[in-house]
PDB file of N, CA and C in Angstrom:
ATOM      1  N   MET A   1      -7.036   0.070 -12.944  1.00  0.00           N
ATOM      2  CA  MET A   1      -7.098  -1.351 -12.718  1.00  0.00           C
ATOM      3  C   MET A   1      -8.383  -1.862 -13.365  1.00  0.00           C
ATOM      4  N   TYR A   2      -8.282  -2.942 -14.058  1.00  0.00           N
ATOM      5  CA  TYR A   2      -9.453  -3.523 -14.719  1.00  0.00           C
ATOM      6  C   TYR A   2     -10.252  -4.381 -13.734  1.00  0.00           C
ATOM      7  N   LEU A   3     -11.544  -4.494 -14.000  1.00  0.00           N
ATOM      8  CA  LEU A   3     -12.394  -5.249 -13.084  1.00  0.00           C
ATOM      9  C   LEU A   3     -11.989  -6.718 -12.989  1.00  0.00           C
ATOM     10  N   PHE A   4     -11.472  -7.288 -14.067  1.00  0.00           N
ATOM     11  CA  PHE A   4     -11.020  -8.678 -13.970  1.00  0.00           C
ATOM     12  C   PHE A   4      -9.820  -8.799 -13.035  1.00  0.00           C
ATOM     13  N   GLU A   5      -9.003  -7.754 -12.949  1.00  0.00           N
ATOM     14  CA  GLU A   5      -7.881  -7.750 -12.009  1.00  0.00           C
ATOM     15  C   GLU A   5      -8.381  -7.626 -10.569  1.00  0.00           C
ATOM     16  N   ILE A   6      -9.420  -6.837 -10.384  1.00  0.00           N
ATOM     17  CA  ILE A   6     -10.025  -6.707  -9.053  1.00  0.00           C
ATOM     18  C   ILE A   6     -10.619  -8.034  -8.637  1.00  0.00           C
ATOM     19  N   ARG A   7     -11.325  -8.682  -9.555  1.00  0.00           N
ATOM     20  CA  ARG A   7     -11.888 -10.012  -9.271  1.00  0.00           C
ATOM     21  C   ARG A   7     -10.794 -10.968  -8.813  1.00  0.00           C
ATOM     22  N   ASP A   8      -9.704 -11.011  -9.558  1.00  0.00           N
ATOM     23  CA  ASP A   8      -8.621 -11.942  -9.236  1.00  0.00           C
ATOM     24  C   ASP A   8      -7.930 -11.578  -7.928  1.00  0.00           C
ATOM     25  N   THR A   9      -7.666 -10.292  -7.718  1.00  0.00           N
ATOM     26  CA  THR A   9      -6.980  -9.828  -6.517  1.00  0.00           C
ATOM     27  C   THR A   9      -7.782 -10.158  -5.264  1.00  0.00           C
ATOM     28  N   LEU A  10      -9.096  -9.976  -5.338  1.00  0.00           N
ATOM     29  CA  LEU A  10      -9.963 -10.199  -4.172  1.00  0.00           C
ATOM     30  C   LEU A  10     -10.542 -11.613  -4.114  1.00  0.00           C
ATOM     31  N   GLN A  11     -10.117 -12.459  -5.059  1.00  0.00           N
ATOM     32  CA  GLN A  11     -10.650 -13.825  -5.130  1.00  0.00           C
ATOM     33  C   GLN A  11     -12.174 -13.775  -5.071  1.00  0.00           C
ATOM     34  N   ALA A  12     -12.721 -12.870  -5.874  1.00  0.00           N
ATOM     35  CA  ALA A  12     -14.154 -12.576  -5.819  1.00  0.00           C
ATOM     36  C   ALA A  12     -14.933 -13.416  -6.819  1.00  0.00           C
ATOM     37  N   THR A  13     -16.194 -13.572  -6.519  1.00  0.00           N
ATOM     38  CA  THR A  13     -17.154 -14.215  -7.409  1.00  0.00           C
ATOM     39  C   THR A  13     -17.973 -13.116  -8.071  1.00  0.00           C
ATOM     40  N   VAL A  14     -18.091 -13.171  -9.380  1.00  0.00           N
ATOM     41  CA  VAL A  14     -18.893 -12.185 -10.105  1.00  0.00           C
ATOM     42  C   VAL A  14     -20.345 -12.650 -10.096  1.00  0.00           C
ATOM     43  N   LEU A  15     -21.231 -11.794  -9.590  1.00  0.00           N
ATOM     44  CA  LEU A  15     -22.653 -12.125  -9.497  1.00  0.00           C
ATOM     45  C   LEU A  15     -23.447 -11.581 -10.671  1.00  0.00           C
ATOM     46  N   CYS A  16     -22.985 -10.489 -11.271  1.00  0.00           N
ATOM     47  CA  CYS A  16     -23.565  -9.994 -12.523  1.00  0.00           C
ATOM     48  C   CYS A  16     -22.558  -9.076 -13.192  1.00  0.00           C
ATOM     49  N   GLY A  17     -22.634  -9.015 -14.509  1.00  0.00           N
ATOM     50  CA  GLY A  17     -21.723  -8.169 -15.269  1.00  0.00           C
ATOM     51  C   GLY A  17     -20.450  -8.861 -15.710  1.00  0.00           C
ATOM     52  N   GLU A  18     -20.473 -10.172 -15.780  1.00  0.00           N
ATOM     53  CA  GLU A  18     -19.295 -10.948 -16.181  1.00  0.00           C
ATOM     54  C   GLU A  18     -18.735 -10.465 -17.524  1.00  0.00           C
ATOM     55  N   ASP A  19     -19.606  -9.994 -18.392  1.00  0.00           N
ATOM     56  CA  ASP A  19     -19.191  -9.539 -19.718  1.00  0.00           C
ATOM     57  C   ASP A  19     -18.591  -8.133 -19.703  1.00  0.00           C
ATOM     58  N   GLN A  20     -18.520  -7.502 -18.530  1.00  0.00           N
ATOM     59  CA  GLN A  20     -18.028  -6.133 -18.432  1.00  0.00           C
ATOM     60  C   GLN A  20     -16.725  -6.021 -17.627  1.00  0.00           C
ATOM     61  N   LEU A  21     -16.038  -7.119 -17.453  1.00  0.00           N
ATOM     62  CA  LEU A  21     -14.836  -7.110 -16.629  1.00  0.00           C
ATOM     63  C   LEU A  21     -13.650  -6.418 -17.284  1.00  0.00           C
ATOM     64  N   ASP A  22     -13.819  -5.978 -18.518  1.00  0.00           N
ATOM     65  CA  ASP A  22     -12.765  -5.215 -19.177  1.00  0.00           C
ATOM     66  C   ASP A  22     -12.880  -3.717 -18.885  1.00  0.00           C
ATOM     67  N   ARG A  23     -13.844  -3.337 -18.056  1.00  0.00           N
ATOM     68  CA  ARG A  23     -13.963  -1.936 -17.626  1.00  0.00           C
ATOM     69  C   ARG A  23     -12.799  -1.591 -16.707  1.00  0.00           C
ATOM     70  N   GLU A  24     -12.372  -0.347 -16.796  1.00  0.00           N
ATOM     71  CA  GLU A  24     -11.263   0.102 -15.956  1.00  0.00           C
ATOM     72  C   GLU A  24     -11.769   1.072 -14.899  1.00  0.00           C
ATOM     73  N   VAL A  25     -11.260   0.924 -13.690  1.00  0.00           N
ATOM     74  CA  VAL A  25     -11.531   1.882 -12.620  1.00  0.00           C
ATOM     75  C   VAL A  25     -10.197   2.431 -12.136  1.00  0.00           C
ATOM     76  N   ARG A  26     -10.216   3.698 -11.748  1.00  0.00           N
ATOM     77  CA  ARG A  26      -8.977   4.358 -11.334  1.00  0.00           C
ATOM     78  C   ARG A  26      -8.926   4.623  -9.827  1.00  0.00           C
ATOM     79  N   SER A  27     -10.070   4.480  -9.170  1.00  0.00           N
ATOM     80  CA  SER A  27     -10.096   4.727  -7.725  1.00  0.00           C
ATOM     81  C   SER A  27     -11.257   3.964  -7.096  1.00  0.00           C
ATOM     82  N   ALA A  28     -11.188   3.853  -5.784  1.00  0.00           N
ATOM     83  CA  ALA A  28     -12.190   3.079  -5.050  1.00  0.00           C
ATOM     84  C   ALA A  28     -12.487   3.741  -3.717  1.00  0.00           C
ATOM     85  N   CYS A  29     -13.603   3.344  -3.145  1.00  0.00           N
ATOM     86  CA  CYS A  29     -13.939   3.752  -1.782  1.00  0.00           C
ATOM     87  C   CYS A  29     -14.542   2.554  -1.071  1.00  0.00           C
ATOM     88  N   ALA A  30     -14.517   2.607   0.246  1.00  0.00           N
ATOM     89  CA  ALA A  30     -15.059   1.516   1.048  1.00  0.00           C
ATOM     90  C   ALA A  30     -15.843   2.097   2.210  1.00  0.00           C
ATOM     91  N   SER A  31     -17.088   1.657   2.350  1.00  0.00           N
ATOM     92  CA  SER A  31     -17.909   2.148   3.448  1.00  0.00           C
ATOM     93  C   SER A  31     -19.154   1.291   3.583  1.00  0.00           C
ATOM     94  N   ASP A  32     -19.636   1.193   4.809  1.00  0.00           N
ATOM     95  CA  ASP A  32     -20.927   0.571   5.064  1.00  0.00           C
ATOM     96  C   ASP A  32     -22.007   1.632   5.244  1.00  0.00           C
ATOM     97  N   PHE A  33     -21.596   2.882   5.198  1.00  0.00           N
ATOM     98  CA  PHE A  33     -22.541   3.997   5.360  1.00  0.00           C
ATOM     99  C   PHE A  33     -22.723   4.699   4.024  1.00  0.00           C
ATOM    100  N   MET A  34     -23.872   4.496   3.411  1.00  0.00           N
ATOM    101  CA  MET A  34     -24.112   5.102   2.107  1.00  0.00           C
ATOM    102  C   MET A  34     -24.183   6.622   2.202  1.00  0.00           C
ATOM    103  N   SER A  35     -24.542   7.142   3.354  1.00  0.00           N
ATOM    104  CA  SER A  35     -24.543   8.600   3.530  1.00  0.00           C
ATOM    105  C   SER A  35     -23.125   9.156   3.415  1.00  0.00           C
ATOM    106  N   ASP A  36     -22.125   8.427   3.910  1.00  0.00           N
ATOM    107  CA  ASP A  36     -20.736   8.858   3.764  1.00  0.00           C
ATOM    108  C   ASP A  36     -20.300   8.804   2.300  1.00  0.00           C
ATOM    109  N   VAL A  37     -20.737   7.781   1.605  1.00  0.00           N
ATOM    110  CA  VAL A  37     -20.403   7.670   0.187  1.00  0.00           C
ATOM    111  C   VAL A  37     -20.964   8.873  -0.565  1.00  0.00           C
ATOM    112  N   LEU A  38     -22.203   9.212  -0.299  1.00  0.00           N
ATOM    113  CA  LEU A  38     -22.831  10.357  -0.966  1.00  0.00           C
ATOM    114  C   LEU A  38     -22.155  11.674  -0.594  1.00  0.00           C
ATOM    115  N   ALA A  39     -21.727  11.800   0.648  1.00  0.00           N
ATOM    116  CA  ALA A  39     -21.166  13.069   1.125  1.00  0.00           C
ATOM    117  C   ALA A  39     -19.708  13.284   0.738  1.00  0.00           C
ATOM    118  N   TYR A  40     -18.922  12.221   0.703  1.00  0.00           N
ATOM    119  CA  TYR A  40     -17.477  12.402   0.580  1.00  0.00           C
ATOM    120  C   TYR A  40     -16.838  11.828  -0.669  1.00  0.00           C
ATOM    121  N   VAL A  41     -17.560  11.026  -1.410  1.00  0.00           N
ATOM    122  CA  VAL A  41     -16.947  10.316  -2.529  1.00  0.00           C
ATOM    123  C   VAL A  41     -17.163  11.087  -3.832  1.00  0.00           C
ATOM    124  N   LYS A  42     -16.080  11.217  -4.580  1.00  0.00           N
ATOM    125  CA  LYS A  42     -16.149  11.827  -5.909  1.00  0.00           C
ATOM    126  C   LYS A  42     -15.251  11.026  -6.846  1.00  0.00           C
ATOM    127  N   ASP A  43     -15.747  10.775  -8.028  1.00  0.00           N
ATOM    128  CA  ASP A  43     -14.967  10.117  -9.077  1.00  0.00           C
ATOM    129  C   ASP A  43     -14.392   8.771  -8.653  1.00  0.00           C
ATOM    130  N   GLN A  44     -15.183   7.975  -7.971  1.00  0.00           N
ATOM    131  CA  GLN A  44     -14.766   6.631  -7.595  1.00  0.00           C
ATOM    132  C   GLN A  44     -15.479   5.636  -8.502  1.00  0.00           C
ATOM    133  N   GLY A  45     -14.774   4.671  -8.992  1.00  0.00           N
ATOM    134  CA  GLY A  45     -15.382   3.686  -9.880  1.00  0.00           C
ATOM    135  C   GLY A  45     -15.795   2.405  -9.200  1.00  0.00           C
ATOM    136  N   LEU A  46     -15.317   2.208  -7.968  1.00  0.00           N
ATOM    137  CA  LEU A  46     -15.533   0.950  -7.264  1.00  0.00           C
ATOM    138  C   LEU A  46     -15.960   1.221  -5.833  1.00  0.00           C
ATOM    139  N   LEU A  47     -16.989   0.511  -5.399  1.00  0.00           N
ATOM    140  CA  LEU A  47     -17.459   0.606  -4.014  1.00  0.00           C
ATOM    141  C   LEU A  47     -17.304  -0.743  -3.351  1.00  0.00           C
ATOM    142  N   LEU A  48     -16.602  -0.771  -2.216  1.00  0.00           N
ATOM    143  CA  LEU A  48     -16.509  -1.967  -1.395  1.00  0.00           C
ATOM    144  C   LEU A  48     -17.374  -1.741  -0.168  1.00  0.00           C
ATOM    145  N   THR A  49     -18.229  -2.708   0.142  1.00  0.00           N
ATOM    146  CA  THR A  49     -19.128  -2.554   1.276  1.00  0.00           C
ATOM    147  C   THR A  49     -19.555  -3.909   1.813  1.00  0.00           C
ATOM    148  N   GLY A  50     -19.981  -3.894   3.063  1.00  0.00           N
ATOM    149  CA  GLY A  50     -20.559  -5.077   3.682  1.00  0.00           C
ATOM    150  C   GLY A  50     -22.053  -4.897   3.879  1.00  0.00           C
ATOM    151  N   MET A  51     -22.548  -3.754   3.479  1.00  0.00           N
ATOM    152  CA  MET A  51     -23.979  -3.468   3.624  1.00  0.00           C
ATOM    153  C   MET A  51     -24.727  -4.105   2.455  1.00  0.00           C
ATOM    154  N   VAL A  52     -25.725  -4.902   2.774  1.00  0.00           N
ATOM    155  CA  VAL A  52     -26.442  -5.640   1.742  1.00  0.00           C
ATOM    156  C   VAL A  52     -27.902  -5.195   1.724  1.00  0.00           C
ATOM    157  N   ASN A  53     -28.169  -4.172   0.920  1.00  0.00           N
ATOM    158  CA  ASN A  53     -29.553  -3.775   0.659  1.00  0.00           C
ATOM    159  C   ASN A  53     -29.599  -2.976  -0.638  1.00  0.00           C
ATOM    160  N   PRO A  54     -30.783  -2.783  -1.196  1.00  0.00           N
ATOM    161  CA  PRO A  54     -30.891  -2.110  -2.502  1.00  0.00           C
ATOM    162  C   PRO A  54     -30.335  -0.684  -2.516  1.00  0.00           C
ATOM    163  N   GLN A  55     -30.268  -0.031  -1.359  1.00  0.00           N
ATOM    164  CA  GLN A  55     -29.754   1.327  -1.305  1.00  0.00           C
ATOM    165  C   GLN A  55     -28.301   1.408  -1.783  1.00  0.00           C
ATOM    166  N   VAL A  56     -27.561   0.338  -1.611  1.00  0.00           N
ATOM    167  CA  VAL A  56     -26.171   0.302  -2.076  1.00  0.00           C
ATOM    168  C   VAL A  56     -26.125   0.486  -3.593  1.00  0.00           C
ATOM    169  N   VAL A  57     -26.993  -0.213  -4.306  1.00  0.00           N
ATOM    170  CA  VAL A  57     -27.029  -0.096  -5.766  1.00  0.00           C
ATOM    171  C   VAL A  57     -27.477   1.296  -6.169  1.00  0.00           C
ATOM    172  N   ARG A  58     -28.476   1.809  -5.512  1.00  0.00           N
ATOM    173  CA  ARG A  58     -28.963   3.154  -5.843  1.00  0.00           C
ATOM    174  C   ARG A  58     -27.884   4.214  -5.599  1.00  0.00           C
ATOM    175  N   THR A  59     -27.138   4.053  -4.524  1.00  0.00           N
ATOM    176  CA  THR A  59     -26.041   4.980  -4.233  1.00  0.00           C
ATOM    177  C   THR A  59     -24.955   4.872  -5.294  1.00  0.00           C
ATOM    178  N   ALA A  60     -24.580   3.654  -5.633  1.00  0.00           N
ATOM    179  CA  ALA A  60     -23.554   3.447  -6.663  1.00  0.00           C
ATOM    180  C   ALA A  60     -23.989   4.056  -7.994  1.00  0.00           C
ATOM    181  N   GLU A  61     -25.251   3.914  -8.323  1.00  0.00           N
ATOM    182  CA  GLU A  61     -25.758   4.488  -9.566  1.00  0.00           C
ATOM    183  C   GLU A  61     -25.667   6.018  -9.532  1.00  0.00           C
ATOM    184  N   MET A  62     -26.072   6.611  -8.427  1.00  0.00           N
ATOM    185  CA  MET A  62     -26.022   8.077  -8.304  1.00  0.00           C
ATOM    186  C   MET A  62     -24.602   8.610  -8.435  1.00  0.00           C
ATOM    187  N   MET A  63     -23.636   7.822  -7.985  1.00  0.00           N
ATOM    188  CA  MET A  63     -22.237   8.246  -8.001  1.00  0.00           C
ATOM    189  C   MET A  63     -21.488   7.758  -9.246  1.00  0.00           C
ATOM    190  N   ASP A  64     -22.220   7.187 -10.210  1.00  0.00           N
ATOM    191  CA  ASP A  64     -21.640   6.695 -11.469  1.00  0.00           C
ATOM    192  C   ASP A  64     -20.551   5.645 -11.257  1.00  0.00           C
ATOM    193  N   MET A  65     -20.736   4.786 -10.285  1.00  0.00           N
ATOM    194  CA  MET A  65     -19.766   3.722 -10.036  1.00  0.00           C
ATOM    195  C   MET A  65     -20.001   2.566 -11.001  1.00  0.00           C
ATOM    196  N   LYS A  66     -18.928   1.890 -11.334  1.00  0.00           N
ATOM    197  CA  LYS A  66     -18.996   0.797 -12.297  1.00  0.00           C
ATOM    198  C   LYS A  66     -19.148  -0.566 -11.636  1.00  0.00           C
ATOM    199  N   CYS A  67     -18.771  -0.647 -10.353  1.00  0.00           N
ATOM    200  CA  CYS A  67     -18.726  -1.958  -9.713  1.00  0.00           C
ATOM    201  C   CYS A  67     -18.941  -1.835  -8.208  1.00  0.00           C
ATOM    202  N   ILE A  68     -19.631  -2.820  -7.667  1.00  0.00           N
ATOM    203  CA  ILE A  68     -19.795  -2.969  -6.221  1.00  0.00           C
ATOM    204  C   ILE A  68     -19.197  -4.320  -5.838  1.00  0.00           C
ATOM    205  N   VAL A  69     -18.366  -4.316  -4.803  1.00  0.00           N
ATOM    206  CA  VAL A  69     -17.847  -5.567  -4.244  1.00  0.00           C
ATOM    207  C   VAL A  69     -18.372  -5.684  -2.821  1.00  0.00           C
ATOM    208  N   PHE A  70     -19.148  -6.716  -2.574  1.00  0.00           N
ATOM    209  CA  PHE A  70     -19.617  -7.005  -1.220  1.00  0.00           C
ATOM    210  C   PHE A  70     -18.540  -7.833  -0.532  1.00  0.00           C
ATOM    211  N   VAL A  71     -18.039  -7.345   0.581  1.00  0.00           N
ATOM    212  CA  VAL A  71     -16.942  -7.986   1.307  1.00  0.00           C
ATOM    213  C   VAL A  71     -17.479  -8.765   2.510  1.00  0.00           C
ATOM    214  N   ARG A  72     -16.562  -9.405   3.226  1.00  0.00           N
ATOM    215  CA  ARG A  72     -16.874 -10.197   4.424  1.00  0.00           C
ATOM    216  C   ARG A  72     -17.839 -11.342   4.128  1.00  0.00           C
ATOM    217  N   GLY A  73     -17.825 -11.811   2.888  1.00  0.00           N
ATOM    218  CA  GLY A  73     -18.676 -12.937   2.510  1.00  0.00           C
ATOM    219  C   GLY A  73     -20.148 -12.611   2.417  1.00  0.00           C
ATOM    220  N   LYS A  74     -20.481 -11.338   2.451  1.00  0.00           N
ATOM    221  CA  LYS A  74     -21.891 -10.940   2.365  1.00  0.00           C
ATOM    222  C   LYS A  74     -22.427 -11.294   0.979  1.00  0.00           C
ATOM    223  N   ALA A  75     -23.638 -11.808   0.961  1.00  0.00           N
ATOM    224  CA  ALA A  75     -24.249 -12.222  -0.299  1.00  0.00           C
ATOM    225  C   ALA A  75     -25.535 -11.434  -0.540  1.00  0.00           C
ATOM    226  N   PRO A  76     -25.531 -10.572  -1.546  1.00  0.00           N
ATOM    227  CA  PRO A  76     -26.754  -9.826  -1.844  1.00  0.00           C
ATOM    228  C   PRO A  76     -27.826 -10.756  -2.400  1.00  0.00           C
ATOM    229  N   GLY A  77     -29.065 -10.432  -2.113  1.00  0.00           N
ATOM    230  CA  GLY A  77     -30.173 -11.227  -2.624  1.00  0.00           C
ATOM    231  C   GLY A  77     -30.379 -11.006  -4.111  1.00  0.00           C
ATOM    232  N   PRO A  78     -31.199 -11.834  -4.717  1.00  0.00           N
ATOM    233  CA  PRO A  78     -31.439 -11.715  -6.155  1.00  0.00           C
ATOM    234  C   PRO A  78     -32.044 -10.373  -6.558  1.00  0.00           C
ATOM    235  N   ASP A  79     -32.803  -9.748  -5.666  1.00  0.00           N
ATOM    236  CA  ASP A  79     -33.382  -8.438  -5.972  1.00  0.00           C
ATOM    237  C   ASP A  79     -32.295  -7.378  -6.125  1.00  0.00           C
ATOM    238  N   ILE A  80     -31.276  -7.453  -5.303  1.00  0.00           N
ATOM    239  CA  ILE A  80     -30.166  -6.492  -5.368  1.00  0.00           C
ATOM    240  C   ILE A  80     -29.341  -6.730  -6.630  1.00  0.00           C
ATOM    241  N   VAL A  81     -29.076  -7.980  -6.928  1.00  0.00           N
ATOM    242  CA  VAL A  81     -28.301  -8.321  -8.126  1.00  0.00           C
ATOM    243  C   VAL A  81     -29.056  -7.877  -9.382  1.00  0.00           C
ATOM    244  N   GLU A  82     -30.347  -8.113  -9.421  1.00  0.00           N
ATOM    245  CA  GLU A  82     -31.149  -7.710 -10.580  1.00  0.00           C
ATOM    246  C   GLU A  82     -31.184  -6.189 -10.734  1.00  0.00           C
ATOM    247  N   LEU A  83     -31.309  -5.487  -9.628  1.00  0.00           N
ATOM    248  CA  LEU A  83     -31.296  -4.021  -9.669  1.00  0.00           C
ATOM    249  C   LEU A  83     -29.976  -3.514 -10.250  1.00  0.00           C
ATOM    250  N   ALA A  84     -28.873  -4.110  -9.833  1.00  0.00           N
ATOM    251  CA  ALA A  84     -27.555  -3.728 -10.368  1.00  0.00           C
ATOM    252  C   ALA A  84     -27.455  -4.063 -11.851  1.00  0.00           C
ATOM    253  N   ARG A  85     -27.952  -5.215 -12.235  1.00  0.00           N
ATOM    254  CA  ARG A  85     -27.921  -5.616 -13.650  1.00  0.00           C
ATOM    255  C   ARG A  85     -28.688  -4.601 -14.501  1.00  0.00           C
ATOM    256  N   GLU A  86     -29.847  -4.190 -14.018  1.00  0.00           N
ATOM    257  CA  GLU A  86     -30.662  -3.208 -14.738  1.00  0.00           C
ATOM    258  C   GLU A  86     -29.943  -1.872 -14.874  1.00  0.00           C
ATOM    259  N   ARG A  87     -29.083  -1.555 -13.925  1.00  0.00           N
ATOM    260  CA  ARG A  87     -28.377  -0.277 -13.920  1.00  0.00           C
ATOM    261  C   ARG A  87     -26.951  -0.381 -14.461  1.00  0.00           C
ATOM    262  N   ASP A  88     -26.639  -1.548 -15.029  1.00  0.00           N
ATOM    263  CA  ASP A  88     -25.355  -1.764 -15.687  1.00  0.00           C
ATOM    264  C   ASP A  88     -24.176  -1.625 -14.721  1.00  0.00           C
ATOM    265  N   ILE A  89     -24.348  -2.147 -13.510  1.00  0.00           N
ATOM    266  CA  ILE A  89     -23.296  -2.112 -12.490  1.00  0.00           C
ATOM    267  C   ILE A  89     -22.843  -3.552 -12.230  1.00  0.00           C
ATOM    268  N   VAL A  90     -21.556  -3.775 -12.306  1.00  0.00           N
ATOM    269  CA  VAL A  90     -20.985  -5.094 -12.023  1.00  0.00           C
ATOM    270  C   VAL A  90     -21.056  -5.335 -10.517  1.00  0.00           C
ATOM    271  N   VAL A  91     -21.417  -6.558 -10.137  1.00  0.00           N
ATOM    272  CA  VAL A  91     -21.485  -6.926  -8.722  1.00  0.00           C
ATOM    273  C   VAL A  91     -20.616  -8.150  -8.477  1.00  0.00           C
ATOM    274  N   MET A  92     -19.792  -8.045  -7.428  1.00  0.00           N
ATOM    275  CA  MET A  92     -18.946  -9.162  -7.002  1.00  0.00           C
ATOM    276  C   MET A  92     -19.110  -9.352  -5.504  1.00  0.00           C
ATOM    277  N   ARG A  93     -18.681 -10.513  -5.044  1.00  0.00           N
ATOM    278  CA  ARG A  93     -18.623 -10.746  -3.605  1.00  0.00           C
ATOM    279  C   ARG A  93     -17.308 -11.425  -3.285  1.00  0.00           C
ATOM    280  N   SER A  94     -16.753 -11.055  -2.127  1.00  0.00           N
ATOM    281  CA  SER A  94     -15.466 -11.593  -1.688  1.00  0.00           C
ATOM    282  C   SER A  94     -15.568 -11.987  -0.217  1.00  0.00           C
ATOM    283  N   GLU A  95     -14.865 -13.013   0.137  1.00  0.00           N
ATOM    284  CA  GLU A  95     -14.818 -13.454   1.527  1.00  0.00           C
ATOM    285  C   GLU A  95     -13.892 -12.581   2.380  1.00  0.00           C
ATOM    286  N   LEU A  96     -13.076 -11.766   1.723  1.00  0.00           N
ATOM    287  CA  LEU A  96     -12.102 -10.952   2.451  1.00  0.00           C
ATOM    288  C   LEU A  96     -12.774  -9.874   3.299  1.00  0.00           C
ATOM    289  N   ARG A  97     -12.117  -9.529   4.394  1.00  0.00           N
ATOM    290  CA  ARG A  97     -12.567  -8.385   5.188  1.00  0.00           C
ATOM    291  C   ARG A  97     -12.294  -7.110   4.408  1.00  0.00           C
ATOM    292  N   MET A  98     -13.038  -6.070   4.720  1.00  0.00           N
ATOM    293  CA  MET A  98     -12.906  -4.816   3.990  1.00  0.00           C
ATOM    294  C   MET A  98     -11.476  -4.263   4.070  1.00  0.00           C
ATOM    295  N   PHE A  99     -10.888  -4.281   5.247  1.00  0.00           N
ATOM    296  CA  PHE A  99      -9.537  -3.747   5.442  1.00  0.00           C
ATOM    297  C   PHE A  99      -8.527  -4.465   4.547  1.00  0.00           C
ATOM    298  N   ILE A 100      -8.594  -5.781   4.527  1.00  0.00           N
ATOM    299  CA  ILE A 100      -7.675  -6.580   3.706  1.00  0.00           C
ATOM    300  C   ILE A 100      -7.917  -6.312   2.227  1.00  0.00           C
ATOM    301  N   ALA A 101      -9.183  -6.276   1.816  1.00  0.00           N
ATOM    302  CA  ALA A 101      -9.518  -6.018   0.413  1.00  0.00           C
ATOM    303  C   ALA A 101      -8.969  -4.664  -0.036  1.00  0.00           C
ATOM    304  N   CYS A 102      -9.177  -3.646   0.775  1.00  0.00           N
ATOM    305  CA  CYS A 102      -8.667  -2.310   0.443  1.00  0.00           C
ATOM    306  C   CYS A 102      -7.144  -2.304   0.356  1.00  0.00           C
ATOM    307  N   GLY A 103      -6.511  -2.959   1.305  1.00  0.00           N
ATOM    308  CA  GLY A 103      -5.053  -3.017   1.306  1.00  0.00           C
ATOM    309  C   GLY A 103      -4.493  -3.700   0.081  1.00  0.00           C
ATOM    310  N   LEU A 104      -5.109  -4.798  -0.323  1.00  0.00           N
ATOM    311  CA  LEU A 104      -4.661  -5.508  -1.521  1.00  0.00           C
ATOM    312  C   LEU A 104      -4.805  -4.646  -2.769  1.00  0.00           C
ATOM    313  N   LEU A 105      -5.947  -3.996  -2.897  1.00  0.00           N
ATOM    314  CA  LEU A 105      -6.177  -3.143  -4.070  1.00  0.00           C
ATOM    315  C   LEU A 105      -5.212  -1.964  -4.083  1.00  0.00           C
ATOM    316  N   TYR A 106      -5.014  -1.353  -2.932  1.00  0.00           N
ATOM    317  CA  TYR A 106      -4.097  -0.209  -2.824  1.00  0.00           C
ATOM    318  C   TYR A 106      -2.669  -0.642  -3.179  1.00  0.00           C
ATOM    319  N   SER A 107      -2.258  -1.804  -2.685  1.00  0.00           N
ATOM    320  CA  SER A 107      -0.905  -2.274  -2.930  1.00  0.00           C
ATOM    321  C   SER A 107      -0.671  -2.607  -4.405  1.00  0.00           C
ATOM    322  N   ARG A 108      -1.735  -2.799  -5.143  1.00  0.00           N
ATOM    323  CA  ARG A 108      -1.630  -3.084  -6.583  1.00  0.00           C
ATOM    324  C   ARG A 108      -1.902  -1.837  -7.433  1.00  0.00           C
ATOM    325  N   GLY A 109      -1.968  -0.668  -6.766  1.00  0.00           N
ATOM    326  CA  GLY A 109      -2.021   0.581  -7.504  1.00  0.00           C
ATOM    327  C   GLY A 109      -3.350   1.274  -7.599  1.00  0.00           C
ATOM    328  N   LEU A 110      -4.396   0.714  -7.021  1.00  0.00           N
ATOM    329  CA  LEU A 110      -5.690   1.377  -7.053  1.00  0.00           C
ATOM    330  C   LEU A 110      -5.750   2.404  -5.939  1.00  0.00           C
ATOM    331  N   ALA A 111      -6.045   3.640  -6.292  1.00  0.00           N
ATOM    332  CA  ALA A 111      -6.011   4.740  -5.332  1.00  0.00           C
ATOM    333  C   ALA A 111      -7.385   5.036  -4.758  1.00  0.00           C
ATOM    334  N   GLY A 112      -7.366   5.777  -3.679  1.00  0.00           N
ATOM    335  CA  GLY A 112      -8.586   6.368  -3.143  1.00  0.00           C
ATOM    336  C   GLY A 112      -8.663   7.784  -3.684  1.00  0.00           C
ATOM    337  N   GLU A 113      -9.335   8.667  -2.975  1.00  0.00           N
ATOM    338  CA  GLU A 113      -9.442  10.050  -3.441  1.00  0.00           C
ATOM    339  C   GLU A 113      -8.123  10.762  -3.324  1.00  0.00           C
TER     340      GLU A 113
END
């Protein structure tokens, strides 16, 4: 699934990386616990989370993720957006709850592990 499709599916706002929406991701994960992401996630291109702090970007970078979507209307601060921009990670935000966002993506063919 391409990032522009994820943007449209989740009715998301792109906060950085607008020029990279042609990137493709094949799987996703969702968690507010970055320790779980580090422990259990492999080969995921997309992270959905409601946790808003710089550790989210650092975790996504360590796991080679291409995109972070902040759900539940959470808005990362400019420091988080800039950190993601520096690390070439697309950042979006969606008003949808995590469960609904995951369900929509799954129903359109995006898999988990």
